[in-house]
């Protein structure tokens, strides 16, 4: 039986709770919503919860595991993402229009630059039980009904995670120094080794942080998925990214078919 009678609950930026049919509540500004539930904390806890400062939205975003943190860094480094919210809403539904309601809280709500939205669940493949799979499938059905994308993602490649973790240390906008940034973009107009390009601009101690920031911002590009970043990594200009927000921040639903 397919899930139906979807009900959505969320907490707004002022901390007030709201609930109603999915077809009504999906228009809420989830990119500014609060977490619908707190992270549990107890003795002997095996997962590691925490808060990550996301440069994308200049705010703290929660995570409940190292796997979630890896995806959070990936999203924060994605130039197409403009907002990420943890535990954005609680979804419930019935099967066949009767029986008790099944509930699920997705891990992340992602707003993209073009106004579209993606709901994310993070769960390693080996930890998905039949009940979990049913919840993920029902959540995908709910998202499709209101024009949201849905993804269930697992463990990221450790090489990519290591590179993201390193570059995330340079994600804050204050790291960027315009004279140095401009010089680096000029030097890497042709592919060049990371350290050689830094030395061509100046003292690596002052140039490298700016270089790492430009890699994080996707203004410069290097192979991050299959190779650990090193002095010999080939760096080049990244394809240009349109960074103007292409949707009305006061009416995000206008850009999504519903």
Foldseek 3Di string as FASTA:
>chain_A
DAWDQKKKWFAALVRDIDIDTLVPPVQDLLLNTAAPDDDDDDPPDDADKDWDQQQLARHIAIDTHPQRVLVSLVLSLDLFWRGKHAQRIKMWTDDPPDDDIDIDGFGMWTATLLLAIETEHEDAPVPQDPVNVSVLVNVCVSCVVLQHHYDYYYGADPQLSVLSVVLVVLQHPVLADVVLLVQLQVLQQDKDFQQVSQVVSHDCVSNVSNVSNCCSNQQKHWDRRPDHRDRRTIIHGGPDDDNHRNADSVRSSVSGHD
